[in-house]
């Protein structure tokens, strides 16, 4: 179990403003436990992660990656993250509205830690995010 006294950094890579707001609302219920960094594009996320993840207190505990980014293929972002020795141990949760078998397969093939179908309904999305938060940040023991 994780040390509850430490603030967790979660990076959300998603360009859907309404979904970002839902995630923000769920995580701000626990402001002493979580800090959310939002990136709207794959390129900006990779730039930020590769330049700051080695800095003390800047290494994310969890990355939430939308499968449908506007500027870059999300699977390319995932491949880059998992190919970087400084970033590969960070769990990456692939979020998508797709239930296509190929999307699921490719996400796992490219070393995504899990694939979650997200619902556009804000209350159902909030429940999904709460479940992700509970499992990945309270139950699972993550590498330091």
N, C-alpha and C. Protein backbone atom coordinates (compact mmCIF):
# COMPACT_ATOMS: atom_id res chain seq x y z
N UNK A 1 0.84 -1.19 0.00
CA UNK A 1 0.00 0.00 0.00
C UNK A 1 0.88 1.24 0.00
N UNK A 2 0.43 2.26 -0.70
CA UNK A 2 1.18 3.50 -0.84
C UNK A 2 1.12 4.33 0.43
N UNK A 3 2.13 5.18 0.64
CA UNK A 3 2.17 6.09 1.77
C UNK A 3 1.19 7.23 1.52
N UNK A 4 0.14 7.31 2.33
CA UNK A 4 -0.90 8.32 2.13
C UNK A 4 -0.44 9.74 2.43
N UNK A 5 0.74 9.90 3.05
CA UNK A 5 1.19 11.24 3.39
C UNK A 5 1.81 11.96 2.19
N UNK A 6 2.06 11.25 1.11
CA UNK A 6 2.68 11.84 -0.06
C UNK A 6 1.65 12.27 -1.09
N UNK A 7 1.84 13.46 -1.64
CA UNK A 7 0.98 13.94 -2.72
C UNK A 7 1.36 13.19 -4.00
N UNK A 8 0.37 12.71 -4.73
CA UNK A 8 0.59 11.97 -5.96
C UNK A 8 0.40 12.90 -7.17
N UNK A 9 1.29 12.76 -8.14
CA UNK A 9 1.19 13.54 -9.37
C UNK A 9 0.56 12.66 -10.44
N UNK A 10 -0.54 13.14 -10.99
CA UNK A 10 -1.24 12.45 -12.06
C UNK A 10 -1.18 13.33 -13.30
N UNK A 11 -0.74 12.75 -14.41
CA UNK A 11 -0.71 13.48 -15.68
C UNK A 11 -1.87 12.97 -16.53
N UNK A 12 -2.70 13.89 -16.96
CA UNK A 12 -3.82 13.59 -17.84
C UNK A 12 -3.51 14.16 -19.21
N UNK A 13 -3.47 13.30 -20.22
CA UNK A 13 -3.21 13.74 -21.60
C UNK A 13 -4.53 13.56 -22.34
N UNK A 14 -5.25 14.67 -22.49
CA UNK A 14 -6.60 14.62 -23.06
C UNK A 14 -6.97 16.03 -23.52
N UNK A 15 -7.60 16.14 -24.67
CA UNK A 15 -7.99 17.44 -25.20
C UNK A 15 -9.49 17.72 -25.07
N UNK A 16 -10.23 16.81 -24.48
CA UNK A 16 -11.68 17.00 -24.31
C UNK A 16 -11.92 17.80 -23.02
N UNK A 17 -12.24 19.07 -23.15
CA UNK A 17 -12.37 19.96 -21.99
C UNK A 17 -13.37 19.45 -20.97
N UNK A 18 -14.50 18.93 -21.42
CA UNK A 18 -15.52 18.45 -20.48
C UNK A 18 -15.02 17.24 -19.70
N UNK A 19 -14.30 16.34 -20.34
CA UNK A 19 -13.77 15.17 -19.65
C UNK A 19 -12.63 15.54 -18.71
N UNK A 20 -11.80 16.49 -19.13
CA UNK A 20 -10.74 16.98 -18.25
C UNK A 20 -11.35 17.58 -16.99
N UNK A 21 -12.41 18.34 -17.15
CA UNK A 21 -13.07 18.96 -15.99
C UNK A 21 -13.64 17.90 -15.05
N UNK A 22 -14.21 16.85 -15.59
CA UNK A 22 -14.73 15.76 -14.74
C UNK A 22 -13.61 15.12 -13.94
N UNK A 23 -12.48 14.83 -14.59
CA UNK A 23 -11.34 14.25 -13.89
C UNK A 23 -10.85 15.21 -12.81
N UNK A 24 -10.76 16.49 -13.15
CA UNK A 24 -10.31 17.50 -12.19
C UNK A 24 -11.22 17.53 -10.97
N UNK A 25 -12.53 17.48 -11.18
CA UNK A 25 -13.48 17.51 -10.06
C UNK A 25 -13.32 16.30 -9.16
N UNK A 26 -13.12 15.13 -9.73
CA UNK A 26 -12.94 13.92 -8.92
C UNK A 26 -11.69 14.05 -8.06
N UNK A 27 -10.60 14.50 -8.65
CA UNK A 27 -9.34 14.53 -7.92
C UNK A 27 -9.22 15.71 -6.96
N UNK A 28 -9.97 16.78 -7.18
CA UNK A 28 -9.91 17.91 -6.26
C UNK A 28 -10.70 17.64 -4.99
N UNK A 29 -11.43 16.53 -4.96
CA UNK A 29 -12.07 16.12 -3.71
C UNK A 29 -11.02 15.75 -2.66
N UNK A 30 -9.80 15.46 -3.12
CA UNK A 30 -8.70 15.08 -2.23
C UNK A 30 -7.48 15.95 -2.55
N UNK A 31 -7.57 17.27 -2.31
CA UNK A 31 -6.50 18.18 -2.74
C UNK A 31 -5.15 17.94 -2.06
N UNK A 32 -5.14 17.34 -0.90
CA UNK A 32 -3.87 17.08 -0.23
C UNK A 32 -3.20 15.81 -0.73
N UNK A 33 -3.93 15.02 -1.51
CA UNK A 33 -3.38 13.75 -1.98
C UNK A 33 -2.95 13.77 -3.44
N UNK A 34 -3.58 14.62 -4.26
CA UNK A 34 -3.32 14.56 -5.69
C UNK A 34 -3.04 15.93 -6.29
N UNK A 35 -2.14 15.91 -7.25
CA UNK A 35 -1.86 17.09 -8.06
C UNK A 35 -2.05 16.64 -9.51
N UNK A 36 -2.84 17.37 -10.25
CA UNK A 36 -3.16 17.01 -11.63
C UNK A 36 -2.44 17.94 -12.59
N UNK A 37 -1.72 17.35 -13.54
CA UNK A 37 -1.07 18.08 -14.61
C UNK A 37 -1.78 17.69 -15.90
N UNK A 38 -2.40 18.65 -16.56
CA UNK A 38 -3.16 18.36 -17.78
C UNK A 38 -2.38 18.80 -19.00
N UNK A 39 -2.30 17.90 -19.97
CA UNK A 39 -1.68 18.18 -21.26
C UNK A 39 -2.73 17.91 -22.33
N UNK A 40 -2.88 18.85 -23.27
CA UNK A 40 -3.90 18.70 -24.30
C UNK A 40 -3.39 18.03 -25.57
N UNK A 41 -2.09 17.80 -25.64
CA UNK A 41 -1.55 17.17 -26.84
C UNK A 41 -0.44 16.18 -26.47
N UNK A 42 -0.24 15.22 -27.34
CA UNK A 42 0.81 14.24 -27.12
C UNK A 42 2.19 14.86 -27.16
N UNK A 43 2.40 15.80 -28.09
CA UNK A 43 3.71 16.43 -28.22
C UNK A 43 4.08 17.23 -26.98
N UNK A 44 3.14 18.02 -26.47
CA UNK A 44 3.44 18.81 -25.27
C UNK A 44 3.64 17.91 -24.06
N UNK A 45 2.88 16.82 -23.99
CA UNK A 45 3.04 15.89 -22.87
C UNK A 45 4.41 15.24 -22.90
N UNK A 46 4.83 14.77 -24.07
CA UNK A 46 6.15 14.14 -24.17
C UNK A 46 7.25 15.12 -23.85
N UNK A 47 7.16 16.35 -24.36
CA UNK A 47 8.17 17.36 -24.07
C UNK A 47 8.27 17.59 -22.57
N UNK A 48 7.11 17.78 -21.92
CA UNK A 48 7.10 18.06 -20.49
C UNK A 48 7.62 16.86 -19.69
N UNK A 49 7.12 15.68 -20.01
CA UNK A 49 7.53 14.49 -19.27
C UNK A 49 9.02 14.20 -19.42
N UNK A 50 9.53 14.32 -20.62
CA UNK A 50 10.95 14.02 -20.85
C UNK A 50 11.87 15.06 -20.23
N UNK A 51 11.38 16.29 -20.07
CA UNK A 51 12.23 17.33 -19.48
C UNK A 51 12.10 17.45 -17.97
N UNK A 52 10.99 17.02 -17.40
CA UNK A 52 10.80 17.24 -15.97
C UNK A 52 10.69 15.98 -15.12
N UNK A 53 10.49 14.83 -15.72
CA UNK A 53 10.24 13.62 -14.93
C UNK A 53 11.41 13.22 -14.05
N UNK A 54 12.60 13.62 -14.40
CA UNK A 54 13.76 13.28 -13.59
C UNK A 54 13.93 14.24 -12.41
N UNK A 55 13.25 15.38 -12.44
CA UNK A 55 13.37 16.37 -11.36
C UNK A 55 12.64 15.88 -10.11
N UNK A 56 13.19 16.17 -8.94
CA UNK A 56 12.54 15.74 -7.70
C UNK A 56 11.11 16.28 -7.60
N UNK A 57 10.18 15.40 -7.27
CA UNK A 57 8.78 15.81 -7.11
C UNK A 57 8.02 15.98 -8.40
N UNK A 58 8.65 15.76 -9.53
CA UNK A 58 7.99 15.95 -10.82
C UNK A 58 7.71 14.65 -11.55
N UNK A 59 8.15 13.54 -11.01
CA UNK A 59 7.91 12.25 -11.66
C UNK A 59 6.47 11.84 -11.39
N UNK A 60 5.69 11.67 -12.45
CA UNK A 60 4.28 11.29 -12.25
C UNK A 60 4.15 9.90 -11.62
N UNK A 61 3.10 9.74 -10.86
CA UNK A 61 2.77 8.45 -10.28
C UNK A 61 1.85 7.66 -11.22
N UNK A 62 1.17 8.39 -12.11
CA UNK A 62 0.19 7.77 -13.00
C UNK A 62 -0.03 8.68 -14.20
N UNK A 63 -0.17 8.07 -15.37
CA UNK A 63 -0.50 8.82 -16.59
C UNK A 63 -1.81 8.28 -17.13
N UNK A 64 -2.74 9.18 -17.39
CA UNK A 64 -4.02 8.85 -18.02
C UNK A 64 -3.93 9.36 -19.45
N UNK A 65 -3.95 8.47 -20.42
CA UNK A 65 -3.72 8.81 -21.83
C UNK A 65 -4.97 8.55 -22.66
N UNK A 66 -5.54 9.62 -23.20
CA UNK A 66 -6.68 9.47 -24.10
C UNK A 66 -6.19 8.83 -25.40
N UNK A 67 -6.94 7.90 -25.92
CA UNK A 67 -6.52 7.19 -27.14
C UNK A 67 -6.64 8.05 -28.40
N UNK A 68 -7.44 9.10 -28.36
CA UNK A 68 -7.69 9.90 -29.57
C UNK A 68 -7.20 11.33 -29.40
N UNK A 69 -5.90 11.51 -29.53
CA UNK A 69 -5.31 12.84 -29.44
C UNK A 69 -5.33 13.51 -30.81
N UNK A 70 -5.45 14.84 -30.84
CA UNK A 70 -5.58 15.53 -32.13
C UNK A 70 -4.27 15.68 -32.91
N UNK A 71 -3.14 15.70 -32.22
CA UNK A 71 -1.89 16.06 -32.89
C UNK A 71 -0.96 14.89 -33.17
N UNK A 72 -1.12 13.81 -32.45
CA UNK A 72 -0.17 12.71 -32.55
C UNK A 72 -0.89 11.44 -32.16
N UNK A 73 -0.54 10.35 -32.79
CA UNK A 73 -1.17 9.07 -32.46
C UNK A 73 -0.84 8.71 -31.02
N UNK A 74 -1.86 8.43 -30.24
CA UNK A 74 -1.67 8.10 -28.83
C UNK A 74 -0.79 6.87 -28.65
N UNK A 75 -0.90 5.92 -29.57
CA UNK A 75 -0.06 4.73 -29.45
C UNK A 75 1.41 5.08 -29.67
N UNK A 76 1.70 6.11 -30.46
CA UNK A 76 3.08 6.58 -30.60
C UNK A 76 3.56 7.22 -29.29
N UNK A 77 2.66 7.96 -28.64
CA UNK A 77 2.99 8.55 -27.34
C UNK A 77 3.28 7.43 -26.35
N UNK A 78 2.43 6.43 -26.33
CA UNK A 78 2.61 5.29 -25.43
C UNK A 78 3.93 4.58 -25.70
N UNK A 79 4.24 4.33 -26.96
CA UNK A 79 5.49 3.66 -27.32
C UNK A 79 6.70 4.47 -26.88
N UNK A 80 6.62 5.79 -27.04
CA UNK A 80 7.73 6.66 -26.62
C UNK A 80 7.89 6.61 -25.10
N UNK A 81 6.78 6.68 -24.37
CA UNK A 81 6.84 6.62 -22.90
C UNK A 81 7.46 5.32 -22.43
N UNK A 82 6.99 4.22 -22.99
CA UNK A 82 7.46 2.90 -22.54
C UNK A 82 8.87 2.57 -23.05
N UNK A 83 9.35 3.34 -24.04
CA UNK A 83 10.71 3.15 -24.54
C UNK A 83 11.74 4.02 -23.84
N UNK A 84 11.28 4.95 -23.01
CA UNK A 84 12.18 5.87 -22.31
C UNK A 84 12.53 5.29 -20.94
N UNK A 85 13.82 5.05 -20.68
CA UNK A 85 14.21 4.43 -19.41
C UNK A 85 13.77 5.24 -18.18
N UNK A 86 13.61 6.54 -18.31
CA UNK A 86 13.19 7.37 -17.18
C UNK A 86 11.68 7.37 -16.97
N UNK A 87 10.92 6.93 -17.95
CA UNK A 87 9.46 7.02 -17.89
C UNK A 87 8.76 5.67 -17.92
N UNK A 88 9.42 4.64 -18.35
CA UNK A 88 8.74 3.36 -18.63
C UNK A 88 8.07 2.71 -17.44
N UNK A 89 8.52 3.01 -16.21
CA UNK A 89 7.91 2.39 -15.03
C UNK A 89 6.64 3.10 -14.57
N UNK A 90 6.35 4.25 -15.15
CA UNK A 90 5.13 4.97 -14.77
C UNK A 90 3.93 4.26 -15.40
N UNK A 91 2.95 3.88 -14.60
CA UNK A 91 1.77 3.23 -15.17
C UNK A 91 1.03 4.17 -16.11
N UNK A 92 0.67 3.65 -17.27
CA UNK A 92 -0.09 4.42 -18.25
C UNK A 92 -1.44 3.72 -18.45
N UNK A 93 -2.49 4.44 -18.12
CA UNK A 93 -3.84 3.96 -18.29
C UNK A 93 -4.37 4.55 -19.60
N UNK A 94 -4.68 3.72 -20.55
CA UNK A 94 -5.23 4.18 -21.82
C UNK A 94 -6.74 4.30 -21.66
N UNK A 95 -7.25 5.51 -21.91
CA UNK A 95 -8.68 5.80 -21.81
C UNK A 95 -9.23 6.00 -23.21
N UNK A 96 -10.36 5.37 -23.50
CA UNK A 96 -10.94 5.49 -24.83
C UNK A 96 -12.44 5.28 -24.78
N UNK A 97 -13.11 5.83 -25.77
CA UNK A 97 -14.53 5.52 -25.92
C UNK A 97 -14.72 4.34 -26.87
N UNK A 98 -13.62 3.79 -27.36
CA UNK A 98 -13.66 2.68 -28.29
C UNK A 98 -13.60 1.34 -27.57
N UNK A 99 -14.42 0.41 -28.02
CA UNK A 99 -14.35 -0.96 -27.55
C UNK A 99 -13.83 -1.88 -28.65
N UNK A 100 -13.24 -1.30 -29.68
CA UNK A 100 -12.71 -2.07 -30.80
C UNK A 100 -11.57 -2.99 -30.33
N UNK A 101 -11.65 -4.23 -30.73
CA UNK A 101 -10.66 -5.22 -30.33
C UNK A 101 -9.25 -4.79 -30.69
N UNK A 102 -9.07 -4.20 -31.87
CA UNK A 102 -7.74 -3.78 -32.31
C UNK A 102 -7.19 -2.66 -31.43
N UNK A 103 -8.04 -1.72 -31.00
CA UNK A 103 -7.58 -0.64 -30.11
C UNK A 103 -7.10 -1.20 -28.78
N UNK A 104 -7.86 -2.14 -28.24
CA UNK A 104 -7.48 -2.77 -26.97
C UNK A 104 -6.16 -3.53 -27.16
N UNK A 105 -6.09 -4.35 -28.20
CA UNK A 105 -4.89 -5.14 -28.46
C UNK A 105 -3.67 -4.25 -28.62
N UNK A 106 -3.77 -3.23 -29.46
CA UNK A 106 -2.63 -2.35 -29.72
C UNK A 106 -2.17 -1.61 -28.46
N UNK A 107 -3.11 -1.24 -27.61
CA UNK A 107 -2.74 -0.56 -26.36
C UNK A 107 -1.92 -1.48 -25.46
N UNK A 108 -2.34 -2.72 -25.33
CA UNK A 108 -1.57 -3.67 -24.53
C UNK A 108 -0.27 -4.08 -25.23
N UNK A 109 -0.32 -4.24 -26.54
CA UNK A 109 0.88 -4.60 -27.30
C UNK A 109 1.97 -3.54 -27.13
N UNK A 110 1.54 -2.27 -27.03
CA UNK A 110 2.49 -1.16 -26.85
C UNK A 110 2.76 -0.87 -25.38
N UNK A 111 2.45 -1.82 -24.52
CA UNK A 111 2.79 -1.81 -23.10
C UNK A 111 1.97 -0.86 -22.24
N UNK A 112 0.75 -0.56 -22.67
CA UNK A 112 -0.15 0.16 -21.77
C UNK A 112 -0.44 -0.73 -20.58
N UNK A 113 -0.56 -0.15 -19.40
CA UNK A 113 -0.79 -0.95 -18.20
C UNK A 113 -2.22 -1.43 -18.08
N UNK A 114 -3.14 -0.67 -18.63
CA UNK A 114 -4.52 -1.15 -18.74
C UNK A 114 -5.28 -0.29 -19.73
N UNK A 115 -6.37 -0.81 -20.19
CA UNK A 115 -7.22 -0.15 -21.18
C UNK A 115 -8.59 0.00 -20.54
N UNK A 116 -9.08 1.22 -20.48
CA UNK A 116 -10.36 1.50 -19.84
C UNK A 116 -11.27 2.22 -20.82
N UNK A 117 -12.44 1.68 -21.02
CA UNK A 117 -13.43 2.36 -21.86
C UNK A 117 -14.09 3.43 -21.00
N UNK A 118 -13.99 4.67 -21.47
CA UNK A 118 -14.57 5.77 -20.70
C UNK A 118 -15.93 6.13 -21.29
N UNK A 119 -16.80 6.49 -20.43
CA UNK A 119 -18.15 6.86 -20.81
C UNK A 119 -18.23 8.37 -20.92
N UNK A 120 -18.94 8.89 -21.90
CA UNK A 120 -19.07 10.33 -22.07
C UNK A 120 -19.98 10.95 -21.01
N UNK A 121 -20.80 10.13 -20.36
CA UNK A 121 -21.66 10.63 -19.30
C UNK A 121 -20.78 11.05 -18.12
N UNK A 122 -20.85 12.32 -17.69
CA UNK A 122 -19.95 12.81 -16.64
C UNK A 122 -20.00 12.01 -15.33
N UNK A 123 -21.19 11.59 -14.91
CA UNK A 123 -21.25 10.85 -13.63
C UNK A 123 -20.63 9.47 -13.77
N UNK A 124 -20.82 8.82 -14.92
CA UNK A 124 -20.20 7.51 -15.13
C UNK A 124 -18.70 7.64 -15.31
N UNK A 125 -18.25 8.70 -15.99
CA UNK A 125 -16.82 8.94 -16.12
C UNK A 125 -16.21 9.21 -14.74
N UNK A 126 -16.90 9.98 -13.92
CA UNK A 126 -16.41 10.26 -12.57
C UNK A 126 -16.24 8.96 -11.78
N UNK A 127 -17.19 8.06 -11.89
CA UNK A 127 -17.09 6.77 -11.20
C UNK A 127 -15.89 5.98 -11.71
N UNK A 128 -15.68 5.98 -13.01
CA UNK A 128 -14.53 5.29 -13.60
C UNK A 128 -13.23 5.86 -13.07
N UNK A 129 -13.12 7.19 -13.02
CA UNK A 129 -11.89 7.84 -12.52
C UNK A 129 -11.70 7.52 -11.04
N UNK A 130 -12.76 7.52 -10.26
CA UNK A 130 -12.65 7.16 -8.84
C UNK A 130 -12.13 5.74 -8.68
N UNK A 131 -12.61 4.83 -9.52
CA UNK A 131 -12.14 3.44 -9.46
C UNK A 131 -10.68 3.33 -9.86
N UNK A 132 -10.26 4.06 -10.89
CA UNK A 132 -8.85 4.08 -11.30
C UNK A 132 -8.00 4.62 -10.16
N UNK A 133 -8.42 5.73 -9.61
CA UNK A 133 -7.69 6.37 -8.51
C UNK A 133 -7.56 5.41 -7.32
N UNK A 134 -8.64 4.78 -6.97
CA UNK A 134 -8.63 3.86 -5.83
C UNK A 134 -7.68 2.69 -6.07
N UNK A 135 -7.80 2.07 -7.24
CA UNK A 135 -6.97 0.90 -7.52
C UNK A 135 -5.50 1.27 -7.69
N UNK A 136 -5.20 2.20 -8.60
CA UNK A 136 -3.82 2.49 -8.96
C UNK A 136 -3.06 3.32 -7.94
N UNK A 137 -3.76 4.07 -7.11
CA UNK A 137 -3.05 4.96 -6.17
C UNK A 137 -3.28 4.62 -4.71
N UNK A 138 -4.19 3.67 -4.43
CA UNK A 138 -4.39 3.28 -3.05
C UNK A 138 -4.14 1.80 -2.81
N UNK A 139 -4.41 0.96 -3.79
CA UNK A 139 -4.26 -0.49 -3.60
C UNK A 139 -2.93 -1.00 -4.14
N UNK A 140 -2.61 -0.63 -5.37
CA UNK A 140 -1.40 -1.12 -6.04
C UNK A 140 -0.14 -0.49 -5.42
N UNK A 141 0.91 -1.26 -5.30
CA UNK A 141 2.19 -0.73 -4.89
C UNK A 141 2.98 -0.40 -6.15
N UNK A 142 3.31 0.87 -6.30
CA UNK A 142 4.00 1.33 -7.50
C UNK A 142 5.50 1.45 -7.24
N UNK A 143 6.32 1.31 -8.29
CA UNK A 143 7.76 1.49 -8.10
C UNK A 143 8.08 2.96 -7.82
N UNK A 144 9.13 3.17 -7.04
CA UNK A 144 9.50 4.56 -6.74
C UNK A 144 10.43 5.09 -7.81
